[in-house]
Every structure is written in structure tokens, then in C-alpha cells.
Protein backbone atom coordinates (compact mmCIF):
# COMPACT_ATOMS: atom_id res chain seq x y z
CA UNK A 1 -15.91 22.65 6.71
CA UNK A 2 -19.41 23.88 5.72
CA UNK A 3 -18.06 26.76 3.60
CA UNK A 4 -16.59 23.64 1.54
CA UNK A 5 -19.48 22.03 0.97
CA UNK A 6 -21.46 25.27 -0.08
CA UNK A 7 -18.69 26.17 -2.70
CA UNK A 8 -18.48 22.47 -3.78
CA UNK A 9 -22.07 22.45 -4.46
CA UNK A 10 -21.81 25.76 -6.35
CA UNK A 11 -18.95 24.82 -8.33
CA UNK A 12 -20.86 21.85 -9.07
CA UNK A 13 -23.98 23.48 -10.28
CA UNK A 14 -21.69 25.74 -12.33
CA UNK A 15 -20.03 22.82 -13.78
CA UNK A 16 -23.35 21.07 -14.80
CA UNK A 17 -24.29 24.81 -16.36
CA UNK A 18 -21.05 24.70 -18.47
CA UNK A 19 -21.42 21.35 -19.60
CA UNK A 20 -25.27 21.95 -20.42
CA UNK A 21 -24.12 25.39 -22.09
CA UNK A 22 -21.55 23.72 -24.05
CA UNK A 23 -23.31 20.69 -25.66
CA UNK A 24 -26.01 23.18 -26.65
CA UNK A 25 -23.51 25.72 -28.23
CA UNK A 26 -22.12 22.62 -30.20
CA UNK A 27 -25.96 21.52 -31.23
CA UNK A 28 -26.54 25.13 -32.17
CA UNK A 29 -23.41 25.76 -34.46
CA UNK A 30 -23.67 22.41 -35.84
CA UNK A 31 -26.93 23.49 -37.85
CA UNK A 32 -24.62 26.24 -39.33
CA UNK A 33 -23.03 24.69 -43.00
CA UNK A 34 -20.04 25.54 -43.81
CA UNK A 35 -20.29 27.99 -47.03
CA UNK A 36 -16.72 25.87 -48.25
CA UNK A 37 -18.52 22.40 -47.93
CA UNK A 38 -15.09 20.91 -46.02
CA UNK A 39 -15.45 18.55 -43.12
CA UNK A 40 -13.99 18.74 -39.92
CA UNK A 41 -11.07 16.12 -41.34
CA UNK A 42 -10.25 18.10 -44.07
CA UNK A 43 -10.22 21.37 -42.05
CA UNK A 44 -7.58 19.70 -39.92
CA UNK A 45 -5.57 18.29 -42.72
CA UNK A 46 -5.98 21.97 -44.20
CA UNK A 47 -4.53 23.18 -41.43
CA UNK A 48 -1.45 21.12 -40.77
CA UNK A 49 -0.51 21.53 -44.01
CA UNK A 50 -0.57 25.50 -44.22
CA UNK A 51 1.62 25.10 -41.01
CA UNK A 52 3.88 22.62 -42.31
CA UNK A 53 2.76 19.62 -40.24
CA UNK A 54 3.44 16.46 -42.84
CA UNK A 55 4.15 13.62 -40.02
CA UNK A 56 0.77 14.14 -38.00
CA UNK A 57 -2.51 12.00 -38.95
CA UNK A 58 -6.21 12.87 -38.72
CA UNK A 59 -8.36 10.04 -37.55
CA UNK A 60 -11.66 9.41 -36.55
CA UNK A 61 -12.58 8.53 -32.62
CA UNK A 62 -16.05 7.39 -31.24
CA UNK A 63 -18.31 9.33 -28.71
CA UNK A 64 -19.25 13.10 -28.82
CA UNK A 65 -16.64 15.51 -27.67
CA UNK A 66 -13.86 13.23 -27.45
CA UNK A 67 -12.01 14.95 -29.86
CA UNK A 68 -8.45 15.31 -28.34
CA UNK A 69 -4.36 15.71 -29.90
CA UNK A 70 -2.31 12.22 -28.88
CA UNK A 71 1.28 13.71 -29.18
CA UNK A 72 2.89 10.29 -28.45
CA UNK A 73 0.83 8.46 -31.65
CA UNK A 74 1.00 12.20 -33.51
CA UNK A 75 -2.69 12.14 -34.24
CA UNK A 76 -5.70 14.51 -34.22
CA UNK A 77 -8.60 12.49 -33.18
CA UNK A 78 -11.84 13.87 -34.31
CA UNK A 79 -15.26 12.69 -32.76
CA UNK A 80 -17.96 11.64 -34.81
CA UNK A 81 -20.07 14.68 -34.87
CA UNK A 82 -16.62 16.58 -35.97
CA UNK A 83 -14.55 14.13 -38.43
CA UNK A 84 -16.88 13.57 -41.06
CA UNK A 85 -19.42 16.55 -40.58
CA UNK A 86 -19.47 20.28 -42.21
CA UNK A 87 -20.49 22.74 -39.94
CA UNK A 88 -19.10 25.88 -37.66
CA UNK A 89 -18.85 23.29 -34.69
CA UNK A 90 -16.83 21.05 -36.53
CA UNK A 91 -14.59 23.60 -38.13
CA UNK A 92 -13.90 25.36 -34.62
CA UNK A 93 -13.07 21.91 -32.90
CA UNK A 94 -10.88 20.55 -35.99
CA UNK A 95 -8.60 23.33 -35.82
CA UNK A 96 -8.79 23.66 -32.01
CA UNK A 97 -7.39 20.03 -31.96
CA UNK A 98 -4.84 20.92 -34.81
CA UNK A 99 -3.72 24.16 -32.92
CA UNK A 100 -2.22 21.24 -30.22
CA UNK A 101 -0.47 19.90 -32.98
CA UNK A 102 1.04 23.15 -34.05
CA UNK A 103 2.18 23.31 -30.20
CA UNK A 104 3.45 20.08 -30.00
CA UNK A 105 5.76 20.88 -33.30
CA UNK A 106 6.71 24.82 -32.33
CA UNK A 107 7.79 23.35 -28.52
CA UNK A 108 5.04 25.24 -27.19
CA UNK A 109 6.21 25.71 -23.44
CA UNK A 110 3.02 25.36 -21.37
CA UNK A 111 2.42 21.85 -23.45
CA UNK A 112 5.46 20.63 -22.77
CA UNK A 113 5.10 21.29 -19.21
CA UNK A 114 1.47 19.56 -19.20
CA UNK A 115 3.30 16.69 -20.77
CA UNK A 116 6.14 16.12 -18.45
CA UNK A 117 3.15 16.32 -15.51
CA UNK A 118 0.90 13.39 -17.26
CA UNK A 119 2.66 10.46 -15.92
CA UNK A 120 2.97 11.93 -12.24
CA UNK A 121 -0.50 13.06 -12.21
CA UNK A 122 -1.90 9.54 -13.89
CA UNK A 123 -0.11 7.92 -10.55
CA UNK A 124 -1.36 10.73 -8.26
CA UNK A 125 -4.79 10.48 -9.19
CA UNK A 126 -5.25 6.90 -8.69
CA UNK A 127 -3.60 6.90 -4.97
CA UNK A 128 -3.80 10.30 -3.76
CA UNK A 129 -7.45 9.74 -1.77
CA UNK A 130 -6.40 6.65 -0.71
CA UNK A 131 -3.02 7.88 0.96
CA UNK A 132 -4.76 10.56 2.40
CA UNK A 133 -7.56 8.44 4.22
CA UNK A 134 -4.65 5.98 5.28
CA UNK A 135 -2.71 8.84 6.65
CA UNK A 136 -5.35 9.99 8.86
CA UNK A 137 -6.78 6.60 9.87
CA UNK A 138 -3.29 6.41 11.71
CA UNK A 139 -2.98 9.86 12.76
CA UNK A 140 -4.18 9.33 15.77
CA UNK A 141 -2.23 6.79 17.01
CA UNK A 142 1.22 7.95 15.31
CA UNK A 143 2.94 10.80 14.06
CA UNK A 144 3.93 9.44 10.76
CA UNK A 145 -0.20 9.46 10.05
CA UNK A 146 -0.24 13.09 9.74
CA UNK A 147 3.19 13.28 7.12
CA UNK A 148 1.21 10.25 5.27
CA UNK A 149 -1.48 12.28 4.97
CA UNK A 150 0.10 15.35 3.60
CA UNK A 151 2.11 13.27 1.00
CA UNK A 152 -1.35 12.35 -0.48
CA UNK A 153 -2.27 16.24 -0.07
CA UNK A 154 1.02 16.83 -2.23
CA UNK A 155 -0.20 14.35 -4.75
CA UNK A 156 -3.47 15.68 -5.16
CA UNK A 157 -1.98 18.82 -5.78
CA UNK A 158 -0.14 17.65 -8.67
CA UNK A 159 -3.38 17.09 -10.22
CA UNK A 160 -4.47 20.65 -9.19
CA UNK A 161 -1.23 21.74 -11.01
CA UNK A 162 -1.96 20.10 -14.16
CA UNK A 163 -5.46 21.48 -14.50
CA UNK A 164 -3.92 24.83 -14.07
CA UNK A 165 -1.57 24.43 -16.41
CA UNK A 166 -3.76 22.86 -18.86
CA UNK A 167 -5.46 26.21 -19.21
CA UNK A 168 -2.87 28.22 -21.29
CA UNK A 169 -2.63 25.29 -23.44
CA UNK A 170 -6.29 25.05 -24.15
CA UNK A 171 -6.79 29.01 -24.63
CA UNK A 172 -3.70 28.97 -26.93
CA UNK A 173 -4.89 26.33 -29.09
CA UNK A 174 -8.34 28.11 -29.61
CA UNK A 175 -6.10 31.37 -30.44
CA UNK A 176 -4.58 29.60 -32.96
CA UNK A 177 -7.59 28.02 -34.60
CA UNK A 178 -9.76 30.99 -34.65
CA UNK A 179 -6.65 33.16 -36.00
CA UNK A 180 -5.92 30.57 -39.01
CA UNK A 181 -9.41 30.26 -39.71
CA UNK A 182 -10.11 33.85 -40.42
CA UNK A 183 -6.85 34.42 -41.68
CA UNK A 184 -7.32 31.97 -44.39
CA UNK A 185 -10.80 32.84 -45.13
CA UNK A 186 -11.90 29.54 -43.78
CA UNK A 187 -15.04 30.92 -42.81
CA UNK A 188 -17.86 33.50 -42.92
CA UNK A 189 -18.31 36.08 -40.41
CA UNK A 190 -21.35 34.21 -39.14
CA UNK A 191 -19.64 30.83 -39.04
CA UNK A 192 -16.70 32.58 -37.11
CA UNK A 193 -18.99 34.07 -34.65
CA UNK A 194 -20.29 30.53 -33.77
CA UNK A 195 -16.55 29.21 -33.60
CA UNK A 196 -15.32 31.79 -31.18
CA UNK A 197 -18.81 31.17 -29.05
CA UNK A 198 -18.08 27.45 -29.15
CA UNK A 199 -14.74 27.36 -28.50
CA UNK A 200 -15.29 29.90 -25.82
CA UNK A 201 -17.49 27.65 -23.58
CA UNK A 202 -15.01 24.47 -24.16
CA UNK A 203 -12.50 26.62 -22.29
CA UNK A 204 -14.92 27.36 -19.67
CA UNK A 205 -15.53 23.71 -18.54
CA UNK A 206 -11.50 23.61 -18.11
CA UNK A 207 -12.08 26.80 -16.08
CA UNK A 208 -14.37 25.64 -13.77
CA UNK A 209 -12.67 22.28 -13.20
CA UNK A 210 -9.12 23.87 -12.42
CA UNK A 211 -11.39 25.99 -9.72
CA UNK A 212 -13.06 23.22 -8.65
CA UNK A 213 -9.76 21.17 -7.89
CA UNK A 214 -8.09 24.13 -6.17
CA UNK A 215 -11.22 24.23 -3.83
CA UNK A 216 -10.70 20.53 -3.26
CA UNK A 217 -6.98 20.71 -2.29
CA UNK A 218 -8.06 23.43 0.42
CA UNK A 219 -10.22 21.73 1.72
CA UNK A 220 -8.32 18.62 2.06
CA UNK A 221 -5.18 20.42 3.43
CA UNK A 222 -7.27 22.02 6.20
CA UNK A 223 -9.24 18.76 7.06
CA UNK A 224 -5.77 17.18 7.67
CA UNK A 225 -4.37 20.29 9.47
CA UNK A 226 -7.64 19.84 11.61
CA UNK A 227 -6.90 16.16 12.43
CA UNK A 228 -2.84 16.82 13.57
CA UNK A 229 -4.59 19.45 15.82
CA UNK A 230 -7.01 16.82 17.50
């Protein structure tokens, strides 16, 4: 299992690097003021309007990089550094979150799949490791222990599946955002370059998370199978 620990350290290091780069890019392009003078909230409202979406509200949410679209409440939630700011980073993030609203409005398949996984993953994420630990504990005394541990691995697997289903959802939202920003001439070429760079690094955080989840799933599977042989 030494190989897994080395891989975990590598993935952890990459994750920290990508997260650091994302914050650095966001800060960098936060200094690029939009020529149109629009705030992140105004950008979001304009994009929703251009796509004929009238039932989604744009609201402010506390924190940094806490931006998200909530399909249940139909709200585009923009962080403090995006909602009222008038820069390339704010435009990119606001348009990206509206990209999710567009996906919801048109019934984008990958978003629908991710939404269906949410209730399953919310339970599995909280209990999978405990189920695996319990299974490993009882595996030495009963055959049911192995089966219980495998149930835990399957539960964890739902989380891994969710992380990979998230990838096309995030990339598609970014593509929709950038296409709209360019098509509607909402940003200059310099601002568009900044928006693309910021969203590129944001997407990479999801890629690293998915790879890390897959590596952990493989480790857990090998660990449970190893205990069954002993």
C-alpha cells in the first residue's frame, strides 16, 4: 500500500498547488476592471435575461469562492468578491454560475444526473468510511464483515461517481459562460483572456478532486480484499 500513500501525497500536493493558483488567478484578474462597468450581479442578471430565464434570482452569499447555483431555490448565489465587484474575475464567475442555471432550464443531461445523485451521495459520504471500518473489524470473525466492508466501498463509490459526473457539468457551464461573454461583447479581449484563465483553474480543482476520490476508492477496495484473504 506504500504506492497509494505516495500517490495520495502527490495528489494532495497537486490539489494545494491548483487551489493556490486559483486564488492567485482570481486575485490577479480582480484587478482587471471591466470596461462596461457592470458588477458580477449585473452580469448574472443580464445573462439570465438573454437566455429567457425569469424565475431565477441573483443573491449575495458570504465568503470567498462560495459561488454556486441552487436548483432547488432557483438562485444564483454570488460571493462577496463577485456580487458587487466590477472586474474580469467577477464576470467570469457570475457567468459560470448562470451557465448552471441555463443547464437547469434546458434540462442538461449531466446536471440532471448529478442532481439525482445528490441525496444518495449526501448519505453515503457521511457513513461509507464507518461502514468499511465496521466491516474490517468483523471480517476476522465473520464472513459478513467482508460483505459489510464492500457495501461501504460501494457507498464511497457513489461519491467518486458524483465527482466524475461533476466534470462535464462544470466544463459545460464555463463554455456557456465564455461563449455568451464573447458573443454579447460583454468583455474586451483582455478581459476575456482573464476570464478563460480563471475558469480554467477553477475547473482543474474538480479534476484533481475526482482523481483523488478514484485513488482513494481503489485503495479501499484493495484494503478490503486484502483483509478478506488474510
